[in-house]
Protein backbone atom coordinates (compact mmCIF):
# COMPACT_ATOMS: atom_id res chain seq x y z
CA UNK A 1 128.86 92.65 122.95
CA UNK A 2 126.50 89.76 122.46
CA UNK A 3 122.96 91.02 122.90
CA UNK A 4 120.09 89.19 124.49
CA UNK A 5 116.35 89.83 124.24
CA UNK A 6 115.15 92.95 125.98
CA UNK A 7 113.18 92.09 129.10
CA UNK A 8 109.71 93.33 129.89
CA UNK A 9 109.12 94.57 126.35
CA UNK A 10 106.40 92.07 125.42
CA UNK A 11 105.03 91.87 121.95
CA UNK A 12 101.97 93.94 121.31
CA UNK A 13 99.22 93.29 118.82
CA UNK A 14 99.55 94.80 115.40
CA UNK A 15 98.22 98.33 115.06
CA UNK A 16 97.75 100.46 111.96
CA UNK A 17 100.26 103.15 111.01
CA UNK A 18 100.07 106.11 113.33
CA UNK A 19 97.47 108.78 112.63
CA UNK A 20 96.98 111.56 115.17
CA UNK A 21 93.72 111.14 117.06
CA UNK A 22 92.47 114.62 116.28
CA UNK A 23 93.86 115.78 112.93
CA UNK A 24 93.79 119.50 112.46
CA UNK A 25 94.98 121.80 109.67
CA UNK A 26 98.73 121.86 109.26
CA UNK A 27 100.49 125.19 109.62
CA UNK A 28 103.84 125.57 107.88
CA UNK A 29 106.01 128.05 109.74
CA UNK A 30 108.95 129.17 107.65
CA UNK A 31 112.26 130.25 109.13
CA UNK A 32 115.44 131.15 107.34
CA UNK A 33 117.86 128.22 107.36
CA UNK A 34 121.32 129.06 108.62
CA UNK A 35 123.03 127.55 105.57
CA UNK A 36 122.13 129.00 102.22
CA UNK A 37 119.08 131.07 103.17
CA UNK A 38 116.56 128.32 102.37
CA UNK A 39 113.19 128.01 104.07
CA UNK A 40 112.81 125.12 106.46
CA UNK A 41 109.28 123.93 107.19
CA UNK A 42 108.28 123.15 110.75
CA UNK A 43 105.16 121.08 111.11
CA UNK A 44 102.66 121.18 113.95
CA UNK A 45 101.20 118.03 115.53
CA UNK A 46 98.15 116.79 113.68
CA UNK A 47 99.65 116.79 110.19
CA UNK A 48 98.29 114.37 107.62
CA UNK A 49 101.38 112.70 106.16
CA UNK A 50 100.65 110.81 102.95
CA UNK A 51 102.54 109.23 100.06
CA UNK A 52 105.58 108.80 102.30
CA UNK A 53 108.32 107.10 100.29
CA UNK A 54 112.10 106.66 100.08
CA UNK A 55 114.13 108.58 97.51
CA UNK A 56 117.77 109.50 97.13
CA UNK A 57 118.37 112.84 95.44
CA UNK A 58 120.93 115.60 95.49
CA UNK A 59 119.18 118.94 96.00
CA UNK A 60 120.42 122.48 95.48
CA UNK A 61 119.20 125.91 96.53
CA UNK A 62 119.68 128.94 94.34
CA UNK A 63 122.09 130.28 96.98
CA UNK A 64 124.34 127.23 96.62
CA UNK A 65 123.34 125.06 99.60
CA UNK A 66 123.42 121.31 98.94
CA UNK A 67 121.40 118.68 100.75
CA UNK A 68 120.39 115.05 100.16
CA UNK A 69 116.70 114.14 100.08
CA UNK A 70 116.00 110.66 101.46
CA UNK A 71 112.18 110.78 101.72
CA UNK A 72 109.38 112.56 99.89
CA UNK A 73 105.82 113.00 101.09
CA UNK A 74 102.67 115.08 101.02
CA UNK A 75 101.80 116.92 104.23
CA UNK A 76 98.26 118.28 104.07
CA UNK A 77 98.70 118.60 100.31
CA UNK A 78 102.12 120.25 100.40
CA UNK A 79 105.04 118.50 98.67
CA UNK A 80 107.77 118.01 101.28
CA UNK A 81 111.13 116.28 101.65
CA UNK A 82 113.12 114.84 104.53
CA UNK A 83 116.65 116.01 103.85
CA UNK A 84 120.08 115.31 105.32
CA UNK A 85 123.04 117.63 105.50
CA UNK A 86 125.77 115.32 104.14
CA UNK A 87 128.42 116.96 106.32
CA UNK A 88 126.66 117.39 109.68
CA UNK A 89 124.09 114.53 109.43
CA UNK A 90 121.37 116.94 110.58
CA UNK A 91 117.91 116.26 109.13
CA UNK A 92 115.17 118.73 108.29
CA UNK A 93 111.82 118.97 106.52
CA UNK A 94 112.00 121.09 103.39
CA UNK A 95 109.49 122.29 100.83
CA UNK A 96 109.97 120.64 97.46
CA UNK A 97 109.34 123.91 95.63
CA UNK A 98 112.41 125.57 97.19
CA UNK A 99 114.92 123.06 95.83
CA UNK A 100 116.18 121.76 92.51
CA UNK A 101 116.72 117.99 92.87
CA UNK A 102 118.01 115.13 90.73
CA UNK A 103 118.41 111.42 91.46
CA UNK A 104 121.78 110.36 92.79
CA UNK A 105 123.35 107.17 94.16
CA UNK A 106 125.78 105.96 96.78
CA UNK A 107 128.70 105.88 94.40
CA UNK A 108 128.34 109.56 93.52
CA UNK A 109 128.00 110.44 97.21
CA UNK A 110 130.65 108.03 98.51
CA UNK A 111 133.00 110.75 99.71
CA UNK A 112 130.40 112.49 101.87
CA UNK A 113 130.50 111.95 105.62
CA UNK A 114 126.90 110.75 105.45
CA UNK A 115 127.39 107.88 103.02
CA UNK A 116 130.64 106.85 104.68
CA UNK A 117 128.70 106.57 107.95
CA UNK A 118 125.85 104.62 106.34
CA UNK A 119 128.23 102.17 104.72
CA UNK A 120 130.45 101.63 107.74
CA UNK A 121 127.51 101.18 110.14
CA UNK A 122 125.87 98.59 107.91
CA UNK A 123 129.10 96.60 107.72
CA UNK A 124 129.94 96.80 111.44
CA UNK A 125 128.99 93.71 113.44
CA UNK A 126 129.49 93.11 117.14
CA UNK A 127 130.66 89.97 118.90
CA UNK A 128 128.57 87.16 117.37
CA UNK A 129 130.37 84.04 118.54
CA UNK A 130 127.45 83.00 120.74
CA UNK A 131 124.73 83.90 118.24
CA UNK A 132 122.71 81.33 116.25
CA UNK A 133 123.72 80.97 112.57
CA UNK A 134 122.60 83.95 110.52
CA UNK A 135 121.78 86.15 113.54
CA UNK A 136 123.73 89.38 114.01
CA UNK A 137 123.99 90.99 117.43
CA UNK A 138 124.86 94.63 118.09
CA UNK A 139 125.38 95.73 114.51
CA UNK A 140 126.28 99.31 113.73
CA UNK A 141 128.01 102.12 115.58
CA UNK A 142 129.20 101.11 119.03
CA UNK A 143 131.38 104.11 119.82
CA UNK A 144 132.82 107.30 118.42
CA UNK A 145 136.36 108.55 118.42
CA UNK A 146 135.94 111.40 120.93
CA UNK A 147 136.83 111.07 124.64
CA UNK A 148 133.27 111.62 125.91
CA UNK A 149 130.25 109.38 125.33
CA UNK A 150 126.77 109.32 123.77
CA UNK A 151 123.71 108.75 125.96
CA UNK A 152 120.88 106.87 124.25
CA UNK A 153 117.60 105.73 125.81
CA UNK A 154 115.20 103.24 124.22
CA UNK A 155 111.44 103.66 124.17
CA UNK A 156 110.21 100.22 123.19
CA UNK A 157 106.51 99.37 123.77
CA UNK A 158 105.65 99.44 127.45
CA UNK A 159 102.60 99.71 129.71
CA UNK A 160 104.68 101.80 132.10
CA UNK A 161 104.96 105.58 131.79
CA UNK A 162 108.07 107.41 130.63
CA UNK A 163 110.78 107.56 133.29
CA UNK A 164 110.55 111.31 133.67
CA UNK A 165 112.54 111.24 136.91
CA UNK A 166 115.56 109.90 135.03
CA UNK A 167 115.24 112.53 132.32
CA UNK A 168 114.69 115.39 134.75
CA UNK A 169 117.75 114.36 136.71
CA UNK A 170 119.76 114.36 133.48
CA UNK A 171 119.03 118.07 133.14
CA UNK A 172 121.19 118.73 136.19
CA UNK A 173 124.12 116.84 134.66
CA UNK A 174 124.65 118.93 131.55
CA UNK A 175 122.74 121.78 129.91
CA UNK A 176 121.55 121.37 127.29
CA UNK A 177 121.65 117.58 127.65
CA UNK A 178 122.18 115.76 124.33
CA UNK A 179 120.05 112.61 124.31
CA UNK A 180 119.21 110.15 121.55
CA UNK A 181 115.80 108.53 122.02
CA UNK A 182 115.22 105.28 120.12
CA UNK A 183 111.46 105.36 119.70
CA UNK A 184 109.07 102.69 118.51
CA UNK A 185 105.89 103.75 116.74
CA UNK A 186 103.61 101.92 119.15
CA UNK A 187 105.26 103.61 122.15
CA UNK A 188 104.68 106.98 120.49
CA UNK A 189 101.01 106.42 119.72
CA UNK A 190 100.25 105.04 123.21
CA UNK A 191 102.14 107.64 125.24
CA UNK A 192 100.89 110.94 123.83
CA UNK A 193 101.29 112.91 127.06
CA UNK A 194 104.80 111.62 127.65
CA UNK A 195 105.77 112.40 124.05
CA UNK A 196 104.47 115.95 124.32
CA UNK A 197 106.40 116.35 127.60
CA UNK A 198 109.57 115.32 125.75
CA UNK A 199 108.84 117.82 122.98
CA UNK A 200 108.45 120.55 125.59
CA UNK A 201 111.84 119.72 127.13
CA UNK A 202 113.37 120.03 123.66
CA UNK A 203 111.48 123.22 122.84
CA UNK A 204 112.70 124.92 126.00
CA UNK A 205 116.27 123.85 125.32
CA UNK A 206 116.65 121.51 128.29
CA UNK A 207 117.07 118.38 126.18
CA UNK A 208 118.79 118.20 122.80
CA UNK A 209 116.90 115.22 121.38
CA UNK A 210 117.89 113.07 118.41
CA UNK A 211 114.92 110.91 117.35
CA UNK A 212 116.16 107.42 116.43
CA UNK A 213 113.89 104.96 114.57
CA UNK A 214 113.43 101.82 116.70
CA UNK A 215 110.88 100.12 114.36
CA UNK A 216 107.12 100.58 114.53
CA UNK A 217 105.95 97.45 116.37
CA UNK A 218 109.17 96.30 118.08
CA UNK A 219 108.02 92.65 117.98
CA UNK A 220 109.26 90.39 120.78
CA UNK A 221 108.03 87.07 122.17
CA UNK A 222 109.56 86.06 125.49
CA UNK A 223 111.38 82.72 125.25
CA UNK A 224 111.28 82.49 121.47
CA UNK A 225 114.65 81.71 119.81
CA UNK A 226 116.50 84.75 118.51
CA UNK A 227 116.46 83.38 114.96
CA UNK A 228 112.68 83.98 114.84
CA UNK A 229 112.34 86.83 117.32
CA UNK A 230 112.37 90.63 117.23
CA UNK A 231 112.46 91.79 113.59
CA UNK A 232 113.50 88.27 112.55
CA UNK A 233 109.95 87.14 113.30
CA UNK A 234 108.39 85.60 110.16
CA UNK A 235 106.21 87.97 108.18
CA UNK A 236 107.77 91.22 109.39
CA UNK A 237 107.74 93.99 106.78
CA UNK A 238 111.03 95.72 107.55
CA UNK A 239 110.37 98.57 105.14
CA UNK A 240 107.07 99.39 106.80
CA UNK A 241 108.67 99.13 110.25
CA UNK A 242 111.09 101.88 109.21
CA UNK A 243 108.82 104.19 107.25
CA UNK A 244 105.77 104.03 109.53
CA UNK A 245 107.86 105.15 112.50
CA UNK A 246 109.35 108.06 110.58
CA UNK A 247 105.92 109.06 109.32
CA UNK A 248 104.48 108.90 112.85
CA UNK A 249 107.21 111.21 114.15
CA UNK A 250 106.53 113.74 111.40
CA UNK A 251 102.77 113.53 111.96
CA UNK A 252 103.35 114.30 115.64
CA UNK A 253 105.49 117.35 114.94
CA UNK A 254 109.06 116.01 115.06
CA UNK A 255 111.79 115.23 112.53
CA UNK A 256 113.33 111.75 112.27
CA UNK A 257 117.11 111.45 112.31
CA UNK A 258 119.16 109.22 109.99
CA UNK A 259 119.76 106.67 112.76
CA UNK A 260 118.08 103.27 113.24
CA UNK A 261 118.44 100.91 116.19
CA UNK A 262 117.32 97.29 115.87
CA UNK A 263 115.03 96.03 118.65
CA UNK A 264 117.08 93.90 121.03
CA UNK A 265 120.11 94.88 118.90
CA UNK A 266 119.26 91.76 116.84
CA UNK A 267 119.34 91.68 113.04
CA UNK A 268 120.55 89.66 110.06
CA UNK A 269 122.07 90.35 106.66
CA UNK A 270 118.68 90.76 104.96
CA UNK A 271 117.54 93.40 107.45
CA UNK A 272 120.87 95.18 107.18
CA UNK A 273 120.41 95.44 103.43
CA UNK A 274 117.15 97.29 104.01
CA UNK A 275 118.70 99.83 106.38
CA UNK A 276 121.48 100.32 103.83
CA UNK A 277 118.98 100.76 100.97
CA UNK A 278 117.06 103.31 103.02
CA UNK A 279 120.26 105.20 103.86
CA UNK A 280 120.06 104.74 107.61
CA UNK A 281 123.00 104.73 110.01
CA UNK A 282 122.64 101.65 112.21
CA UNK A 283 123.13 102.30 115.91
CA UNK A 284 124.44 99.63 118.28
CA UNK A 285 125.62 100.05 121.87
CA UNK A 286 129.13 99.95 123.20
CA UNK A 287 127.71 99.93 126.75
CA UNK A 288 124.25 98.47 127.36
CA UNK A 289 124.56 99.16 131.05
CA UNK A 290 122.09 96.57 132.33
CA UNK A 291 124.12 93.85 130.57
CA UNK A 292 127.63 95.30 130.47
CA UNK A 293 127.99 97.66 133.45
CA UNK A 294 130.91 99.73 132.27
CA UNK A 295 131.54 102.39 129.66
CA UNK A 296 134.70 103.30 127.81
CA UNK A 297 135.60 106.64 126.24
CA UNK A 298 133.58 107.17 123.08
CA UNK A 299 130.94 104.54 123.92
CA UNK A 300 127.33 104.70 122.84
CA UNK A 301 125.57 104.16 126.19
CA UNK A 302 122.21 102.37 126.25
CA UNK A 303 119.55 102.52 128.95
CA UNK A 304 115.77 102.20 128.77
CA UNK A 305 113.61 105.21 129.66
CA UNK A 306 110.30 103.37 129.18
CA UNK A 307 110.15 102.06 132.75
CA UNK A 308 111.12 98.51 131.78
CA UNK A 309 114.75 98.36 132.87
CA UNK A 310 115.32 100.12 136.22
CA UNK A 311 118.58 98.23 136.74
CA UNK A 312 120.17 100.07 133.83
CA UNK A 313 119.03 103.45 135.18
CA UNK A 314 120.41 102.65 138.62
CA UNK A 315 123.76 101.64 137.10
CA UNK A 316 123.85 104.86 135.08
CA UNK A 317 123.66 106.99 138.24
CA UNK A 318 126.03 104.75 140.14
CA UNK A 319 128.67 104.91 137.42
CA UNK A 320 128.19 108.64 136.95
CA UNK A 321 128.57 109.25 140.68
CA UNK A 322 131.84 107.31 140.69
CA UNK A 323 133.15 109.18 137.66
CA UNK A 324 132.97 106.07 135.50
CA UNK A 325 130.89 107.51 132.66
CA UNK A 326 133.09 109.32 130.12
CA UNK A 327 132.20 112.99 129.78
CA UNK A 328 131.22 115.25 128.16
CA UNK A 329 128.01 113.73 126.84
CA UNK A 330 127.78 114.54 123.14
CA UNK A 331 125.08 114.63 120.42
CA UNK A 332 124.76 111.37 118.52
CA UNK A 333 125.55 113.06 115.21
CA UNK A 334 129.13 113.36 116.46
CA UNK A 335 129.62 109.58 116.71
CA UNK A 336 129.98 108.38 113.07
């Protein structure tokens, strides 16, 4: 599917990496992890996340559990890791002191489901016949192999509030409702109340949210050629766009997933190398409803929940009402 620029997502001015407005002491609540008896740390909003950096390490618990660390950081002075279960793709924050870790690489992890998904998503390109030279449209995972589908909603920068009506109506469709939210850092920092509302829906079990990195600034200039637009804009620091969004999510009390969606679904080979280096699974869209109003079994469905694309929301309900959206809706971790 050849992508076009997202409408009504105008470029915003640059803002510094997200820091909660009212930092307060971070409380680490420890619960026993299901696998291996390890202690998983759950952060509260207001955490000071520092020294946030990419790593790639194989980590072991004394009880035998194995996980892959992809980021290390300090949270209010505590050494922490963002880890990935290489079989389920689930992410979690873990205390460094609980694990024994050593550097690894893609070759040693090539047979894990995680690295297979990273590699295949960074090699998968959509239909690019109409794209300018060097521009890639709709890279990454477009669909899974199961008969249902995967609902994803983008939260690119917007002056409009979160489309809560759409999300509340979803709760009547399936419970819990699996939903992947592609979130930009600037949306997060400018919609605090909406973000906390989303967290409450997840906490109460109504929504099963997967937090997808959608870049920090989501740059876009209306009318500018694709070759110099979105993250292809000159001067963009792709690494910061990735890491600052992850760090903002952690600072606001949530855990980033291993998925990344390019703004406008537009990228190039250089940007794809960065997502590969940072061990992210690139997410495309088999059915961007506002541009391709149909969905096939297994499709990754894309709508916008930031108030900027009501046509896509309307099509979602129309297709659902006519039985044209493949069900059941499934968690995004089941797609790769």
